PDB file of all heavy atoms in Angstrom:
ATOM      1  N   ALA A   1      30.034  10.978 -17.091  1.00  0.00           N
ATOM      2  CA  ALA A   1      29.215  11.819 -16.217  1.00  0.00           C
ATOM      3  C   ALA A   1      27.838  12.102 -16.829  1.00  0.00           C
ATOM      4  O   ALA A   1      26.839  12.149 -16.107  1.00  0.00           O
ATOM      5  CB  ALA A   1      29.935  13.131 -15.923  1.00  0.00           C
ATOM      6  N   TRP A   2      27.784  12.262 -18.158  1.00  0.00           N
ATOM      7  CA  TRP A   2      26.488  12.512 -18.799  1.00  0.00           C
ATOM      8  C   TRP A   2      25.556  11.318 -18.619  1.00  0.00           C
ATOM      9  O   TRP A   2      24.372  11.489 -18.332  1.00  0.00           O
ATOM     10  CB  TRP A   2      26.658  12.826 -20.286  1.00  0.00           C
ATOM     11  CG  TRP A   2      27.249  14.167 -20.540  1.00  0.00           C
ATOM     12  CD1 TRP A   2      28.463  14.427 -21.115  1.00  0.00           C
ATOM     13  CD2 TRP A   2      26.688  15.440 -20.212  1.00  0.00           C
ATOM     14  NE1 TRP A   2      28.678  15.779 -21.171  1.00  0.00           N
ATOM     15  CE2 TRP A   2      27.604  16.430 -20.617  1.00  0.00           C
ATOM     16  CE3 TRP A   2      25.506  15.835 -19.609  1.00  0.00           C
ATOM     17  CZ2 TRP A   2      27.358  17.796 -20.449  1.00  0.00           C
ATOM     18  CZ3 TRP A   2      25.268  17.199 -19.438  1.00  0.00           C
ATOM     19  CH2 TRP A   2      26.184  18.150 -19.854  1.00  0.00           C
ATOM     20  N   GLY A   3      26.080  10.129 -18.785  1.00  0.00           N
ATOM     21  CA  GLY A   3      25.272   8.925 -18.576  1.00  0.00           C
ATOM     22  C   GLY A   3      24.815   8.807 -17.138  1.00  0.00           C
ATOM     23  O   GLY A   3      23.684   8.401 -16.866  1.00  0.00           O
ATOM     24  N   CYS A   4      25.684   9.180 -16.208  1.00  0.00           N
ATOM     25  CA  CYS A   4      25.346   9.164 -14.783  1.00  0.00           C
ATOM     26  C   CYS A   4      24.179  10.108 -14.510  1.00  0.00           C
ATOM     27  O   CYS A   4      23.202   9.730 -13.855  1.00  0.00           O
ATOM     28  CB  CYS A   4      26.569   9.550 -13.950  1.00  0.00           C
ATOM     29  SG  CYS A   4      26.268   9.610 -12.173  1.00  0.00           S
ATOM     30  N   VAL A   5      24.271  11.317 -15.039  1.00  0.00           N
ATOM     31  CA  VAL A   5      23.195  12.301 -14.853  1.00  0.00           C
ATOM     32  C   VAL A   5      21.889  11.776 -15.443  1.00  0.00           C
ATOM     33  O   VAL A   5      20.826  11.847 -14.808  1.00  0.00           O
ATOM     34  CB  VAL A   5      23.582  13.659 -15.490  1.00  0.00           C
ATOM     35  CG1 VAL A   5      22.391  14.604 -15.571  1.00  0.00           C
ATOM     36  CG2 VAL A   5      24.718  14.296 -14.710  1.00  0.00           C
ATOM     37  N   MET A   6      21.965  11.219 -16.638  1.00  0.00           N
ATOM     38  CA  MET A   6      20.759  10.693 -17.292  1.00  0.00           C
ATOM     39  C   MET A   6      20.167   9.518 -16.516  1.00  0.00           C
ATOM     40  O   MET A   6      18.948   9.412 -16.396  1.00  0.00           O
ATOM     41  CB  MET A   6      21.072  10.289 -18.738  1.00  0.00           C
ATOM     42  CG  MET A   6      21.462  11.450 -19.627  1.00  0.00           C
ATOM     43  SD  MET A   6      20.149  12.634 -19.898  1.00  0.00           S
ATOM     44  CE  MET A   6      19.349  11.875 -21.294  1.00  0.00           C
ATOM     45  N   ASN A   7      21.020   8.648 -15.970  1.00  0.00           N
ATOM     46  CA  ASN A   7      20.539   7.530 -15.148  1.00  0.00           C
ATOM     47  C   ASN A   7      19.806   8.037 -13.913  1.00  0.00           C
ATOM     48  O   ASN A   7      18.735   7.524 -13.567  1.00  0.00           O
ATOM     49  CB  ASN A   7      21.709   6.636 -14.702  1.00  0.00           C
ATOM     50  CG  ASN A   7      22.006   5.544 -15.686  1.00  0.00           C
ATOM     51  OD1 ASN A   7      21.131   5.063 -16.382  1.00  0.00           O
ATOM     52  ND2 ASN A   7      23.258   5.145 -15.742  1.00  0.00           N
ATOM     53  N   ILE A   8      20.403   9.013 -13.240  1.00  0.00           N
ATOM     54  CA  ILE A   8      19.776   9.551 -12.025  1.00  0.00           C
ATOM     55  C   ILE A   8      18.434  10.188 -12.356  1.00  0.00           C
ATOM     56  O   ILE A   8      17.430   9.943 -11.684  1.00  0.00           O
ATOM     57  CB  ILE A   8      20.715  10.557 -11.323  1.00  0.00           C
ATOM     58  CG1 ILE A   8      21.947   9.826 -10.762  1.00  0.00           C
ATOM     59  CG2 ILE A   8      19.978  11.302 -10.209  1.00  0.00           C
ATOM     60  CD1 ILE A   8      23.063  10.749 -10.295  1.00  0.00           C
ATOM     61  N   ILE A   9      18.402  10.998 -13.403  1.00  0.00           N
ATOM     62  CA  ILE A   9      17.154  11.669 -13.796  1.00  0.00           C
ATOM     63  C   ILE A   9      16.081  10.642 -14.132  1.00  0.00           C
ATOM     64  O   ILE A   9      14.946  10.724 -13.665  1.00  0.00           O
ATOM     65  CB  ILE A   9      17.395  12.631 -14.976  1.00  0.00           C
ATOM     66  CG1 ILE A   9      18.238  13.819 -14.517  1.00  0.00           C
ATOM     67  CG2 ILE A   9      16.066  13.111 -15.578  1.00  0.00           C
ATOM     68  CD1 ILE A   9      18.748  14.689 -15.657  1.00  0.00           C
ATOM     69  N   SER A  10      16.440   9.648 -14.936  1.00  0.00           N
ATOM     70  CA  SER A  10      15.475   8.635 -15.357  1.00  0.00           C
ATOM     71  C   SER A  10      14.942   7.832 -14.171  1.00  0.00           C
ATOM     72  O   SER A  10      13.725   7.681 -14.001  1.00  0.00           O
ATOM     73  CB  SER A  10      16.141   7.695 -16.371  1.00  0.00           C
ATOM     74  OG  SER A  10      15.288   6.625 -16.685  1.00  0.00           O
ATOM     75  N   THR A  11      15.844   7.331 -13.356  1.00  0.00           N
ATOM     76  CA  THR A  11      15.426   6.497 -12.230  1.00  0.00           C
ATOM     77  C   THR A  11      14.611   7.290 -11.223  1.00  0.00           C
ATOM     78  O   THR A  11      13.583   6.818 -10.739  1.00  0.00           O
ATOM     79  CB  THR A  11      16.650   5.862 -11.549  1.00  0.00           C
ATOM     80  OG1 THR A  11      17.312   5.032 -12.501  1.00  0.00           O
ATOM     81  CG2 THR A  11      16.249   5.012 -10.359  1.00  0.00           C
ATOM     82  N   CYS A  12      15.044   8.505 -10.912  1.00  0.00           N
ATOM     83  CA  CYS A  12      14.299   9.322  -9.951  1.00  0.00           C
ATOM     84  C   CYS A  12      12.926   9.712 -10.487  1.00  0.00           C
ATOM     85  O   CYS A  12      11.948   9.737  -9.742  1.00  0.00           O
ATOM     86  CB  CYS A  12      15.099  10.548  -9.540  1.00  0.00           C
ATOM     87  SG  CYS A  12      16.464  10.157  -8.430  1.00  0.00           S
ATOM     88  N   ALA A  13      12.851  10.011 -11.787  1.00  0.00           N
ATOM     89  CA  ALA A  13      11.555  10.355 -12.377  1.00  0.00           C
ATOM     90  C   ALA A  13      10.574   9.196 -12.229  1.00  0.00           C
ATOM     91  O   ALA A  13       9.388   9.408 -11.980  1.00  0.00           O
ATOM     92  CB  ALA A  13      11.717  10.736 -13.842  1.00  0.00           C
ATOM     93  N   PHE A  14      11.057   7.973 -12.341  1.00  0.00           N
ATOM     94  CA  PHE A  14      10.185   6.804 -12.200  1.00  0.00           C
ATOM     95  C   PHE A  14       9.981   6.450 -10.725  1.00  0.00           C
ATOM     96  O   PHE A  14       8.863   6.454 -10.214  1.00  0.00           O
ATOM     97  CB  PHE A  14      10.764   5.602 -12.956  1.00  0.00           C
ATOM     98  CG  PHE A  14       9.943   4.353 -12.793  1.00  0.00           C
ATOM     99  CD1 PHE A  14       8.775   4.190 -13.519  1.00  0.00           C
ATOM    100  CD2 PHE A  14      10.320   3.355 -11.916  1.00  0.00           C
ATOM    101  CE1 PHE A  14       7.992   3.052 -13.372  1.00  0.00           C
ATOM    102  CE2 PHE A  14       9.558   2.218 -11.754  1.00  0.00           C
ATOM    103  CZ  PHE A  14       8.385   2.058 -12.489  1.00  0.00           C
ATOM    104  N   ALA A  15      11.054   6.128 -10.042  1.00  0.00           N
ATOM    105  CA  ALA A  15      10.961   5.549  -8.698  1.00  0.00           C
ATOM    106  C   ALA A  15      10.487   6.551  -7.647  1.00  0.00           C
ATOM    107  O   ALA A  15       9.689   6.198  -6.773  1.00  0.00           O
ATOM    108  CB  ALA A  15      12.315   4.963  -8.291  1.00  0.00           C
ATOM    109  N   CYS A  16      10.966   7.776  -7.707  1.00  0.00           N
ATOM    110  CA  CYS A  16      10.578   8.766  -6.688  1.00  0.00           C
ATOM    111  C   CYS A  16       9.118   9.169  -6.832  1.00  0.00           C
ATOM    112  O   CYS A  16       8.414   9.328  -5.831  1.00  0.00           O
ATOM    113  CB  CYS A  16      11.493   9.977  -6.740  1.00  0.00           C
ATOM    114  SG  CYS A  16      13.193   9.605  -6.267  1.00  0.00           S
ATOM    115  N   VAL A  17       8.652   9.328  -8.052  1.00  0.00           N
ATOM    116  CA  VAL A  17       7.238   9.658  -8.278  1.00  0.00           C
ATOM    117  C   VAL A  17       6.354   8.507  -7.785  1.00  0.00           C
ATOM    118  O   VAL A  17       5.381   8.720  -7.059  1.00  0.00           O
ATOM    119  CB  VAL A  17       6.971   9.978  -9.766  1.00  0.00           C
ATOM    120  CG1 VAL A  17       5.480  10.011 -10.074  1.00  0.00           C
ATOM    121  CG2 VAL A  17       7.624  11.299 -10.139  1.00  0.00           C
ATOM    122  N   ALA A  18       6.706   7.278  -8.162  1.00  0.00           N
ATOM    123  CA  ALA A  18       5.918   6.121  -7.722  1.00  0.00           C
ATOM    124  C   ALA A  18       5.922   6.006  -6.197  1.00  0.00           C
ATOM    125  O   ALA A  18       4.868   5.781  -5.575  1.00  0.00           O
ATOM    126  CB  ALA A  18       6.470   4.842  -8.354  1.00  0.00           C
ATOM    127  N   ALA A  19       7.084   6.178  -5.578  1.00  0.00           N
ATOM    128  CA  ALA A  19       7.199   6.054  -4.122  1.00  0.00           C
ATOM    129  C   ALA A  19       6.445   7.169  -3.400  1.00  0.00           C
ATOM    130  O   ALA A  19       5.829   6.933  -2.357  1.00  0.00           O
ATOM    131  CB  ALA A  19       8.667   6.053  -3.713  1.00  0.00           C
ATOM    132  N   LEU A  20       6.476   8.375  -3.952  1.00  0.00           N
ATOM    133  CA  LEU A  20       5.769   9.493  -3.334  1.00  0.00           C
ATOM    134  C   LEU A  20       4.259   9.238  -3.314  1.00  0.00           C
ATOM    135  O   LEU A  20       3.593   9.422  -2.294  1.00  0.00           O
ATOM    136  CB  LEU A  20       6.081  10.791  -4.076  1.00  0.00           C
ATOM    137  CG  LEU A  20       5.410  12.049  -3.523  1.00  0.00           C
ATOM    138  CD1 LEU A  20       5.917  12.361  -2.118  1.00  0.00           C
ATOM    139  CD2 LEU A  20       5.672  13.234  -4.444  1.00  0.00           C
ATOM    140  N   ILE A  21       3.726   8.802  -4.429  1.00  0.00           N
ATOM    141  CA  ILE A  21       2.290   8.514  -4.502  1.00  0.00           C
ATOM    142  C   ILE A  21       1.948   7.334  -3.604  1.00  0.00           C
ATOM    143  O   ILE A  21       0.955   7.360  -2.865  1.00  0.00           O
ATOM    144  CB  ILE A  21       1.854   8.294  -5.967  1.00  0.00           C
ATOM    145  CG1 ILE A  21       1.962   9.625  -6.720  1.00  0.00           C
ATOM    146  CG2 ILE A  21       0.435   7.721  -6.037  1.00  0.00           C
ATOM    147  CD1 ILE A  21       1.779   9.525  -8.209  1.00  0.00           C
ATOM    148  N   TYR A  22       2.777   6.298  -3.615  1.00  0.00           N
ATOM    149  CA  TYR A  22       2.516   5.136  -2.760  1.00  0.00           C
ATOM    150  C   TYR A  22       2.595   5.514  -1.278  1.00  0.00           C
ATOM    151  O   TYR A  22       1.835   5.001  -0.455  1.00  0.00           O
ATOM    152  CB  TYR A  22       3.495   4.000  -3.068  1.00  0.00           C
ATOM    153  CG  TYR A  22       3.221   2.762  -2.262  1.00  0.00           C
ATOM    154  CD1 TYR A  22       2.101   1.974  -2.530  1.00  0.00           C
ATOM    155  CD2 TYR A  22       4.053   2.385  -1.228  1.00  0.00           C
ATOM    156  CE1 TYR A  22       1.830   0.835  -1.777  1.00  0.00           C
ATOM    157  CE2 TYR A  22       3.796   1.244  -0.470  1.00  0.00           C
ATOM    158  CZ  TYR A  22       2.690   0.473  -0.759  1.00  0.00           C
ATOM    159  OH  TYR A  22       2.418  -0.646  -0.010  1.00  0.00           O
ATOM    160  N   LYS A  23       3.470   6.422  -0.932  1.00  0.00           N
ATOM    161  CA  LYS A  23       3.595   6.874   0.462  1.00  0.00           C
ATOM    162  C   LYS A  23       2.303   7.553   0.914  1.00  0.00           C
ATOM    163  O   LYS A  23       1.882   7.401   2.052  1.00  0.00           O
ATOM    164  CB  LYS A  23       4.780   7.830   0.592  1.00  0.00           C
ATOM    165  CG  LYS A  23       5.076   8.247   2.003  1.00  0.00           C
ATOM    166  CD  LYS A  23       6.322   9.102   2.064  1.00  0.00           C
ATOM    167  CE  LYS A  23       6.643   9.467   3.501  1.00  0.00           C
ATOM    168  NZ  LYS A  23       7.860  10.235   3.606  1.00  0.00           N
ATOM    169  N   LYS A  24       1.669   8.298   0.011  1.00  0.00           N
ATOM    170  CA  LYS A  24       0.407   8.983   0.331  1.00  0.00           C
ATOM    171  C   LYS A  24      -0.777   8.011   0.372  1.00  0.00           C
ATOM    172  O   LYS A  24      -1.720   8.222   1.119  1.00  0.00           O
ATOM    173  CB  LYS A  24       0.115  10.076  -0.699  1.00  0.00           C
ATOM    174  CG  LYS A  24       1.198  11.105  -0.849  1.00  0.00           C
ATOM    175  CD  LYS A  24       1.014  12.204   0.133  1.00  0.00           C
ATOM    176  CE  LYS A  24       2.057  13.286  -0.129  1.00  0.00           C
ATOM    177  NZ  LYS A  24       2.403  14.003   1.055  1.00  0.00           N
ATOM    178  N   LYS A  25      -0.716   6.973  -0.465  1.00  0.00           N
ATOM    179  CA  LYS A  25      -1.818   5.996  -0.547  1.00  0.00           C
ATOM    180  C   LYS A  25      -1.199   4.602  -0.619  1.00  0.00           C
ATOM    181  O   LYS A  25      -0.954   4.079  -1.702  1.00  0.00           O
ATOM    182  CB  LYS A  25      -2.678   6.281  -1.774  1.00  0.00           C
ATOM    183  CG  LYS A  25      -3.918   5.426  -1.845  1.00  0.00           C
ATOM    184  CD  LYS A  25      -4.808   5.798  -3.011  1.00  0.00           C
ATOM    185  CE  LYS A  25      -6.013   4.886  -2.994  1.00  0.00           C
ATOM    186  NZ  LYS A  25      -6.986   5.230  -3.987  1.00  0.00           N
ATOM    187  N   SER A  26      -0.956   4.010   0.537  1.00  0.00           N
ATOM    188  CA  SER A  26      -0.248   2.728   0.625  1.00  0.00           C
ATOM    189  C   SER A  26      -1.180   1.542   0.430  1.00  0.00           C
ATOM    190  O   SER A  26      -1.404   0.737   1.334  1.00  0.00           O
ATOM    191  CB  SER A  26       0.470   2.623   1.974  1.00  0.00           C
ATOM    192  OG  SER A  26       1.399   3.658   2.113  1.00  0.00           O
ATOM    193  N   THR A  27      -1.725   1.461  -0.768  1.00  0.00           N
ATOM    194  CA  THR A  27      -2.597   0.349  -1.144  1.00  0.00           C
ATOM    195  C   THR A  27      -2.146  -0.146  -2.516  1.00  0.00           C
ATOM    196  O   THR A  27      -1.304   0.490  -3.161  1.00  0.00           O
ATOM    197  CB  THR A  27      -4.066   0.816  -1.257  1.00  0.00           C
ATOM    198  OG1 THR A  27      -4.159   1.794  -2.308  1.00  0.00           O
ATOM    199  CG2 THR A  27      -4.569   1.411   0.060  1.00  0.00           C
ATOM    200  N   LEU A  28      -2.718  -1.245  -2.963  1.00  0.00           N
ATOM    201  CA  LEU A  28      -2.404  -1.730  -4.305  1.00  0.00           C
ATOM    202  C   LEU A  28      -2.774  -0.674  -5.345  1.00  0.00           C
ATOM    203  O   LEU A  28      -2.016  -0.417  -6.275  1.00  0.00           O
ATOM    204  CB  LEU A  28      -3.130  -3.054  -4.584  1.00  0.00           C
ATOM    205  CG  LEU A  28      -2.934  -3.639  -5.981  1.00  0.00           C
ATOM    206  CD1 LEU A  28      -1.460  -3.907  -6.258  1.00  0.00           C
ATOM    207  CD2 LEU A  28      -3.762  -4.897  -6.158  1.00  0.00           C
ATOM    208  N   ALA A  29      -3.921  -0.038  -5.157  1.00  0.00           N
ATOM    209  CA  ALA A  29      -4.338   1.018  -6.089  1.00  0.00           C
ATOM    210  C   ALA A  29      -3.334   2.172  -6.081  1.00  0.00           C
ATOM    211  O   ALA A  29      -2.980   2.709  -7.132  1.00  0.00           O
ATOM    212  CB  ALA A  29      -5.735   1.532  -5.738  1.00  0.00           C
ATOM    213  N   GLY A  30      -2.853   2.541  -4.900  1.00  0.00           N
ATOM    214  CA  GLY A  30      -1.852   3.596  -4.788  1.00  0.00           C
ATOM    215  C   GLY A  30      -0.560   3.218  -5.492  1.00  0.00           C
ATOM    216  O   GLY A  30       0.075   4.050  -6.144  1.00  0.00           O
ATOM    217  N   ALA A  31      -0.177   1.943  -5.345  1.00  0.00           N
ATOM    218  CA  ALA A  31       1.042   1.461  -6.013  1.00  0.00           C
ATOM    219  C   ALA A  31       0.874   1.519  -7.530  1.00  0.00           C
ATOM    220  O   ALA A  31       1.773   1.986  -8.244  1.00  0.00           O
ATOM    221  CB  ALA A  31       1.369   0.041  -5.564  1.00  0.00           C
ATOM    222  N   VAL A  32      -0.268   1.065  -8.024  1.00  0.00           N
ATOM    223  CA  VAL A  32      -0.512   1.059  -9.471  1.00  0.00           C
ATOM    224  C   VAL A  32      -0.555   2.491 -10.005  1.00  0.00           C
ATOM    225  O   VAL A  32       0.079   2.800 -11.020  1.00  0.00           O
ATOM    226  CB  VAL A  32      -1.817   0.289  -9.807  1.00  0.00           C
ATOM    227  CG1 VAL A  32      -2.211   0.486 -11.269  1.00  0.00           C
ATOM    228  CG2 VAL A  32      -1.649  -1.190  -9.491  1.00  0.00           C
ATOM    229  N   ILE A  33      -1.273   3.367  -9.309  1.00  0.00           N
ATOM    230  CA  ILE A  33      -1.338   4.770  -9.738  1.00  0.00           C
ATOM    231  C   ILE A  33       0.063   5.389  -9.712  1.00  0.00           C
ATOM    232  O   ILE A  33       0.464   6.094 -10.646  1.00  0.00           O
ATOM    233  CB  ILE A  33      -2.322   5.568  -8.848  1.00  0.00           C
ATOM    234  CG1 ILE A  33      -3.750   5.096  -9.109  1.00  0.00           C
ATOM    235  CG2 ILE A  33      -2.188   7.068  -9.095  1.00  0.00           C
ATOM    236  CD1 ILE A  33      -4.763   5.568  -8.066  1.00  0.00           C
ATOM    237  N   GLY A  34       0.815   5.126  -8.649  1.00  0.00           N
ATOM    238  CA  GLY A  34       2.173   5.647  -8.544  1.00  0.00           C
ATOM    239  C   GLY A  34       3.066   5.159  -9.669  1.00  0.00           C
ATOM    240  O   GLY A  34       3.835   5.936 -10.257  1.00  0.00           O
TER     241      GLY A  34
END
């Protein structure tokens, strides 16, 4: 369960932040910044 929690935290910290920024600015620059 600890590894599961750490996986979720790590992946969400990366993917959700990138996706949120890309959603606001859907360009190559937005993707890179995200």
